[in-house]
Amino acid sequence: MKLLDLEIDEVINGIVAIGYTDYKYAFNTLIPLIDKTDFQRKRQDKKFYKKLERDLDAGCVMPPITIAFINPDIKSDSNLNEITAFVSKNIKKSFVLDGIQRLNTLSRLVDSKKINKDRKLYINFLFCDSVEKLLYRMITLNNGQRPMTPRHQVEMMMANAFDFNEFGLEIQTEKEAANKIIRKAFRKSDIIQAYLAFMAESPIIDNKKIIEEKMDELLVNKIMSIEPNTYKSKFEDVIKSLSKFQENPKCLKWLKLTNNLVGFAVGMKSSSKTILSLSVSEFKNAITTFDSAFSEFNPSRIKVGKFRRELSCEYFKNFNEYKDLDSDELLEYFSELTNE
């Protein structure tokens, strides 16, 4: 592997190292990266990339791939030798940000007698200190491609960036829950929704009235309209709060309700320091006040799920303003906000 140049991505405050390796390195080191998680095995049907497979075998130049590291230690003044050493030592900790399908196509040629395994494979190495900024870059790289939906990309980022066990958080897929339900476990689909809402800064990230592809397009537009350098907090703060507050059964039950979790995650983006400073008892009192106020709405007059998402978002987004209110006072604010 050889690095040729460095450049700063000023949008995400990341460092890009541009270089190349060969197909032998790709077969031995890079292709295994796409098998790091169950998610990344959801690859496109090979018939879509059959032409690229034939072209690679015939000697075409593969478009560059992008390998990402979440690492704040690489600085703008790091030289090429330092970065080369870092990549060589830590490559197993990286993941493919752009180029999974290309590497998957290349993997099918491992036994080809025609392909020249000394041929160059160009790579962009991206170093960034924020998962959210990398997700932003991933979406801009993959926008318009299929089947890489925003949810698809968030699932990939989560699988690579977060070790939920390290935070003491149990996450289950629907399939896993069908075999054995872990009482304290959060649904993976809910965490994905919460992350999408966090990135879009909106609790409303789906609408059954709108076809899925159009909704995905609207969601991508929301995410891309937010400048990464304005991010106030990280989704890791949401995970830390879930880990902290889950110790109380009432808090756990409240957070496991999808609409609460989504609204809470978006709200936390603006007030993470305040929320993380709460004790478990204080958080329990806060959601008790919220639920007491919310229970006064007439369920036959409102869209309960939509209101719960929006108001839980409002409550935690402006928690410093609401934290000392009792339920009646909070209800007055909520009523004004919802024109009820």
Protein backbone atom coordinates (compact mmCIF):
# COMPACT_ATOMS: atom_id res chain seq x y z
CA MET A 1 0.00 0.00 0.00
CA LYS A 2 1.20 3.48 -0.85
CA LEU A 3 -0.32 6.83 0.12
CA LEU A 4 0.16 9.67 -2.32
CA ASP A 5 -1.44 12.76 -0.83
CA LEU A 6 -3.54 14.24 1.99
CA GLU A 7 -6.45 16.62 1.86
CA ILE A 8 -8.81 18.10 4.45
CA ASP A 9 -12.57 17.58 4.11
CA GLU A 10 -13.62 20.88 5.64
CA VAL A 11 -17.33 19.99 5.65
CA ILE A 12 -16.92 17.12 8.11
CA ASN A 13 -13.55 18.19 9.56
CA GLY A 14 -12.07 14.95 8.31
CA ILE A 15 -8.76 13.99 6.77
CA VAL A 16 -8.61 12.13 3.46
CA ALA A 17 -5.51 10.16 2.52
CA ILE A 18 -5.41 9.17 -1.14
CA GLY A 19 -3.44 6.15 -2.25
CA TYR A 20 -3.46 2.72 -3.78
CA THR A 21 -2.80 -0.92 -3.07
CA ASP A 22 -3.17 -4.03 -5.22
CA TYR A 23 -5.80 -6.72 -5.68
CA LYS A 24 -3.82 -9.18 -3.53
CA TYR A 25 -4.15 -6.83 -0.56
CA ALA A 26 -7.83 -6.39 -1.35
CA PHE A 27 -8.43 -10.17 -1.40
CA ASN A 28 -6.57 -10.73 1.86
CA THR A 29 -7.43 -7.62 3.88
CA LEU A 30 -10.15 -5.40 2.45
CA ILE A 31 -12.74 -7.92 1.30
CA PRO A 32 -12.97 -9.46 4.82
CA LEU A 33 -14.07 -6.01 6.06
CA ILE A 34 -17.38 -6.37 4.24
CA ASP A 35 -18.12 -9.49 6.29
CA LYS A 36 -17.65 -7.81 9.68
CA THR A 37 -21.37 -7.67 10.35
CA ASP A 38 -24.51 -9.56 9.40
CA PHE A 39 -25.82 -6.33 7.92
CA GLN A 40 -23.09 -6.05 5.33
CA ARG A 41 -23.91 -9.48 3.95
CA LYS A 42 -27.11 -7.98 2.53
CA ARG A 43 -25.48 -7.42 -0.82
CA GLN A 44 -27.06 -6.68 -4.12
CA ASP A 45 -27.83 -9.61 -6.39
CA LYS A 46 -24.66 -10.40 -8.35
CA LYS A 47 -26.50 -10.08 -11.66
CA PHE A 48 -26.45 -6.28 -11.18
CA TYR A 49 -22.64 -6.32 -11.11
CA LYS A 50 -22.02 -9.07 -13.65
CA LYS A 51 -20.76 -6.57 -16.22
CA LEU A 52 -18.29 -5.06 -13.75
CA GLU A 53 -17.12 -8.56 -12.89
CA ARG A 54 -16.40 -9.29 -16.53
CA ASP A 55 -14.65 -5.93 -16.97
CA LEU A 56 -12.44 -6.47 -13.91
CA ASP A 57 -11.48 -9.87 -15.21
CA ALA A 58 -10.61 -8.25 -18.53
CA GLY A 59 -8.44 -5.58 -16.91
CA CYS A 60 -10.55 -2.49 -16.23
CA VAL A 61 -9.61 0.00 -13.51
CA MET A 62 -11.94 -0.25 -10.53
CA PRO A 63 -13.29 3.12 -9.30
CA PRO A 64 -11.74 4.12 -5.97
CA ILE A 65 -13.27 2.79 -2.76
CA THR A 66 -13.46 4.65 0.55
CA ILE A 67 -12.31 3.10 3.83
CA ALA A 68 -13.27 4.95 7.02
CA PHE A 69 -11.76 5.20 10.47
CA ILE A 70 -13.42 6.82 13.46
CA ASN A 71 -10.27 8.19 15.00
CA PRO A 72 -9.62 11.63 16.48
CA ASP A 73 -5.87 10.98 16.79
CA ILE A 74 -5.07 11.52 13.11
CA LYS A 75 -4.44 15.25 12.74
CA SER A 76 -4.06 17.55 9.75
CA ASP A 77 -0.33 17.73 10.40
CA SER A 78 0.11 13.93 10.37
CA ASN A 79 2.48 12.93 7.60
CA LEU A 80 1.99 10.15 5.05
CA ASN A 81 4.39 7.77 6.82
CA GLU A 82 2.52 8.14 10.12
CA ILE A 83 -0.83 7.56 8.46
CA THR A 84 0.49 4.57 6.50
CA ALA A 85 1.72 3.01 9.73
CA PHE A 86 -1.60 3.70 11.43
CA VAL A 87 -3.62 2.16 8.58
CA SER A 88 -1.42 -0.94 8.48
CA LYS A 89 -1.81 -1.47 12.22
CA ASN A 90 -5.53 -0.67 12.50
CA ILE A 91 -7.05 -1.75 9.19
CA LYS A 92 -9.23 -4.38 10.92
CA LYS A 93 -10.89 -1.57 12.90
CA SER A 94 -11.94 0.25 9.73
CA PHE A 95 -15.00 -0.28 7.57
CA VAL A 96 -15.99 0.23 3.95
CA LEU A 97 -17.80 3.54 3.63
CA ASP A 98 -18.17 3.37 -0.13
CA GLY A 99 -17.46 0.37 -2.35
CA ILE A 100 -19.01 -2.68 -0.68
CA GLN A 101 -20.58 -3.87 -3.92
CA ARG A 102 -17.34 -3.32 -5.87
CA LEU A 103 -15.32 -5.34 -3.37
CA ASN A 104 -17.99 -8.01 -3.32
CA THR A 105 -17.77 -8.22 -7.10
CA LEU A 106 -13.98 -8.44 -6.91
CA SER A 107 -14.25 -11.23 -4.32
CA ARG A 108 -15.89 -13.48 -6.90
CA LEU A 109 -12.71 -13.29 -8.99
CA VAL A 110 -10.37 -14.60 -6.29
CA ASP A 111 -9.81 -17.84 -8.25
CA SER A 112 -9.74 -16.22 -11.69
CA LYS A 113 -6.75 -17.17 -13.82
CA LYS A 114 -7.12 -14.04 -15.95
CA ILE A 115 -7.18 -11.23 -13.43
CA ASN A 116 -3.89 -9.53 -12.68
CA LYS A 117 -3.66 -9.50 -8.87
CA ASP A 118 -0.84 -6.95 -8.99
CA ARG A 119 -3.17 -4.40 -10.61
CA LYS A 120 -3.67 -1.17 -8.63
CA LEU A 121 -6.77 -0.60 -6.52
CA TYR A 122 -7.19 3.07 -5.60
CA ILE A 123 -8.37 3.92 -2.10
CA ASN A 124 -9.46 6.97 -0.18
CA PHE A 125 -8.89 6.62 3.57
CA LEU A 126 -11.18 8.91 5.55
CA PHE A 127 -10.41 9.77 9.18
CA CYS A 128 -13.11 11.49 11.19
CA ASP A 129 -13.86 12.04 14.89
CA SER A 130 -17.64 11.79 14.59
CA VAL A 131 -19.90 8.93 13.60
CA GLU A 132 -22.58 11.40 12.54
CA LYS A 133 -20.24 13.21 10.16
CA LEU A 134 -19.25 9.90 8.57
CA LEU A 135 -22.92 8.99 8.17
CA TYR A 136 -23.49 12.35 6.48
CA ARG A 137 -20.61 11.61 4.10
CA MET A 138 -21.88 8.06 3.47
CA ILE A 139 -25.30 9.38 2.51
CA THR A 140 -23.79 11.94 0.14
CA LEU A 141 -21.66 9.20 -1.45
CA ASN A 142 -24.54 6.77 -1.86
CA ASN A 143 -27.44 9.12 -2.48
CA GLY A 144 -29.41 7.97 -5.50
CA GLN A 145 -28.08 4.43 -5.46
CA ARG A 146 -30.27 1.43 -4.81
CA PRO A 147 -30.82 -0.44 -2.58
CA MET A 148 -28.78 1.74 -0.20
CA THR A 149 -31.67 3.44 1.62
CA PRO A 150 -31.05 5.82 4.53
CA ARG A 151 -32.15 3.11 6.97
CA HIS A 152 -29.79 0.70 5.24
CA GLN A 153 -26.90 3.10 5.72
CA VAL A 154 -27.74 3.89 9.35
CA GLU A 155 -27.83 0.17 10.13
CA MET A 156 -24.42 -0.23 8.56
CA MET A 157 -22.97 2.72 10.46
CA MET A 158 -24.41 1.49 13.76
CA ALA A 159 -23.01 -1.99 13.25
CA ASN A 160 -19.52 -0.63 12.67
CA ALA A 161 -19.42 2.36 15.00
CA PHE A 162 -21.13 1.28 18.21
CA ASP A 163 -20.37 -1.57 20.57
CA PHE A 164 -23.66 -1.64 22.46
CA ASN A 165 -22.36 -4.27 24.87
CA GLU A 166 -19.66 -1.81 25.88
CA PHE A 167 -22.43 0.56 26.99
CA GLY A 168 -24.32 -2.22 28.77
CA LEU A 169 -27.18 -1.96 26.27
CA GLU A 170 -29.01 -4.97 24.87
CA ILE A 171 -30.21 -4.69 21.26
CA GLN A 172 -32.37 -7.32 19.56
CA THR A 173 -33.58 -7.82 16.01
CA GLU A 174 -37.13 -9.04 15.43
CA LYS A 175 -35.73 -12.42 14.43
CA GLU A 176 -33.72 -12.73 17.64
CA ALA A 177 -36.71 -11.66 19.75
CA ALA A 178 -38.87 -14.32 18.08
CA ASN A 179 -36.50 -16.98 19.42
CA LYS A 180 -35.93 -15.50 22.87
CA ILE A 181 -37.04 -12.14 24.24
CA ILE A 182 -34.52 -10.31 26.41
CA ARG A 183 -36.62 -8.22 28.78
CA LYS A 184 -34.34 -5.20 28.87
CA ALA A 185 -33.44 -5.28 25.18
CA PHE A 186 -34.31 -2.41 22.85
CA ARG A 187 -35.58 -3.25 19.39
CA LYS A 188 -32.90 -2.68 16.77
CA SER A 189 -35.47 -1.17 14.41
CA ASP A 190 -36.34 1.43 17.09
CA ILE A 191 -32.70 2.38 17.59
CA ILE A 192 -32.34 2.81 13.82
CA GLN A 193 -35.43 5.04 13.74
CA ALA A 194 -34.07 7.07 16.64
CA TYR A 195 -30.73 7.55 14.85
CA LEU A 196 -32.43 8.60 11.62
CA ALA A 197 -34.57 11.11 13.50
CA PHE A 198 -31.48 12.35 15.35
CA MET A 199 -29.65 12.94 12.07
CA ALA A 200 -32.66 14.56 10.41
CA GLU A 201 -33.40 16.67 13.52
CA SER A 202 -37.04 15.70 13.15
CA PRO A 203 -39.21 13.15 14.97
CA ILE A 204 -41.32 12.69 11.84
CA ILE A 205 -39.27 10.42 9.61
CA ASP A 206 -41.99 8.22 8.14
CA ASN A 207 -45.43 8.71 6.71
CA LYS A 208 -47.59 5.84 5.53
CA LYS A 209 -49.36 8.19 3.11
CA ILE A 210 -46.13 8.70 1.16
CA ILE A 211 -44.55 5.89 -0.87
CA GLU A 212 -41.37 4.56 0.72
CA GLU A 213 -38.94 5.68 -1.99
CA LYS A 214 -40.21 9.25 -1.88
CA MET A 215 -40.07 9.24 1.93
CA ASP A 216 -36.47 8.07 1.76
CA GLU A 217 -35.70 10.92 -0.66
CA LEU A 218 -37.29 13.46 1.69
CA LEU A 219 -35.36 12.01 4.61
CA VAL A 220 -32.04 12.23 2.76
CA ASN A 221 -32.82 15.84 1.88
CA LYS A 222 -33.43 16.63 5.55
CA ILE A 223 -30.15 15.06 6.62
CA MET A 224 -28.15 16.70 3.84
CA SER A 225 -29.63 20.12 4.57
CA ILE A 226 -27.98 20.16 8.00
CA GLU A 227 -24.38 21.30 8.00
CA PRO A 228 -22.22 18.72 9.85
CA ASN A 229 -20.17 21.39 11.59
CA THR A 230 -23.33 22.54 13.41
CA TYR A 231 -23.87 19.20 15.17
CA LYS A 232 -24.35 19.92 18.86
CA SER A 233 -23.97 16.38 20.16
CA LYS A 234 -23.39 12.79 19.14
CA PHE A 235 -25.78 9.85 18.99
CA GLU A 236 -23.41 8.19 21.44
CA ASP A 237 -24.88 10.58 24.03
CA VAL A 238 -28.32 9.07 23.39
CA ILE A 239 -26.89 5.57 23.85
CA LYS A 240 -25.23 6.62 27.10
CA SER A 241 -28.50 8.01 28.40
CA LEU A 242 -30.39 4.82 27.51
CA SER A 243 -27.75 2.80 29.31
CA LYS A 244 -28.01 5.04 32.37
CA PHE A 245 -31.78 5.37 32.68
CA GLN A 246 -32.66 1.76 31.80
CA GLU A 247 -31.78 0.76 35.35
CA ASN A 248 -35.21 1.97 36.49
CA PRO A 249 -38.07 -0.26 35.23
CA LYS A 250 -40.40 2.68 34.60
CA CYS A 251 -37.74 4.59 32.67
CA LEU A 252 -36.89 1.49 30.64
CA LYS A 253 -40.54 0.89 29.76
CA TRP A 254 -40.95 4.54 28.71
CA LEU A 255 -37.82 4.57 26.56
CA LYS A 256 -38.69 1.29 24.86
CA LEU A 257 -41.88 2.85 23.48
CA THR A 258 -40.91 3.75 19.91
CA ASN A 259 -42.56 7.17 19.79
CA ASN A 260 -40.98 8.20 23.09
CA LEU A 261 -37.54 6.99 22.05
CA VAL A 262 -37.60 8.77 18.69
CA GLY A 263 -38.77 12.07 20.18
CA PHE A 264 -36.33 11.79 23.06
CA ALA A 265 -33.38 11.14 20.71
CA VAL A 266 -34.12 14.23 18.61
CA GLY A 267 -34.65 16.37 21.69
CA MET A 268 -31.39 15.22 23.21
CA LYS A 269 -29.48 16.53 20.22
CA SER A 270 -30.02 20.04 21.61
CA SER A 271 -29.70 19.30 25.32
CA SER A 272 -27.46 16.27 25.76
CA LYS A 273 -25.36 17.75 28.56
CA THR A 274 -28.43 18.62 30.61
CA ILE A 275 -30.09 15.23 30.11
CA LEU A 276 -26.94 13.25 30.85
CA SER A 277 -26.49 15.21 34.08
CA LEU A 278 -29.87 13.99 35.39
CA SER A 279 -29.97 11.25 37.97
CA VAL A 280 -32.15 8.22 37.24
CA SER A 281 -34.64 9.50 39.82
CA GLU A 282 -34.77 12.94 38.18
CA PHE A 283 -35.36 11.41 34.76
CA LYS A 284 -38.13 9.23 36.19
CA ASN A 285 -39.80 12.33 37.66
CA ALA A 286 -39.45 14.13 34.31
CA ILE A 287 -41.19 11.43 32.29
CA THR A 288 -43.87 11.07 35.00
CA THR A 289 -44.67 14.77 34.59
CA PHE A 290 -44.63 14.42 30.80
CA ASP A 291 -47.00 11.43 30.83
CA SER A 292 -49.33 13.12 33.30
CA ALA A 293 -49.63 16.15 31.02
CA PHE A 294 -49.92 14.05 27.86
CA SER A 295 -52.69 11.89 29.36
CA GLU A 296 -55.00 14.94 29.43
CA PHE A 297 -55.18 15.05 25.62
CA ASN A 298 -58.32 13.49 24.18
CA PRO A 299 -57.04 10.45 22.20
CA SER A 300 -60.04 10.63 19.87
CA ARG A 301 -59.06 14.15 18.83
CA ILE A 302 -55.35 13.70 18.15
CA LYS A 303 -52.96 11.38 16.34
CA VAL A 304 -51.54 9.90 19.52
CA GLY A 305 -48.29 8.52 18.08
CA LYS A 306 -47.46 11.67 16.13
CA PHE A 307 -48.22 13.91 19.12
CA ARG A 308 -46.14 11.74 21.45
CA ARG A 309 -43.12 11.92 19.13
CA GLU A 310 -43.40 15.66 18.63
CA LEU A 311 -44.07 16.56 22.25
CA SER A 312 -41.42 14.27 23.74
CA CYS A 313 -39.01 15.90 21.29
CA GLU A 314 -40.15 19.39 22.34
CA TYR A 315 -39.98 18.48 26.03
CA PHE A 316 -36.40 17.24 25.98
CA LYS A 317 -35.19 19.71 23.36
CA ASN A 318 -36.13 22.58 25.68
CA PHE A 319 -35.81 20.67 28.93
CA ASN A 320 -34.24 23.57 30.83
CA GLU A 321 -37.39 25.58 30.12
CA TYR A 322 -39.81 22.81 31.13
CA LYS A 323 -38.04 20.93 33.92
CA ASP A 324 -39.52 22.92 36.81
CA LEU A 325 -43.12 22.86 35.55
CA ASP A 326 -45.80 20.65 37.04
CA SER A 327 -48.04 18.60 34.75
CA ASP A 328 -50.80 21.24 34.53
CA GLU A 329 -48.34 23.97 33.58
CA LEU A 330 -46.71 21.67 31.03
CA LEU A 331 -50.12 20.84 29.58
CA GLU A 332 -50.74 24.54 28.97
CA TYR A 333 -47.55 24.80 26.96
CA PHE A 334 -48.34 21.64 25.02
CA SER A 335 -51.87 22.86 24.29
CA GLU A 336 -50.56 26.11 22.84
CA LEU A 337 -48.02 24.27 20.71
CA THR A 338 -50.61 21.89 19.29
CA ASN A 339 -53.45 24.42 18.99
CA GLU A 340 -55.68 22.22 21.08
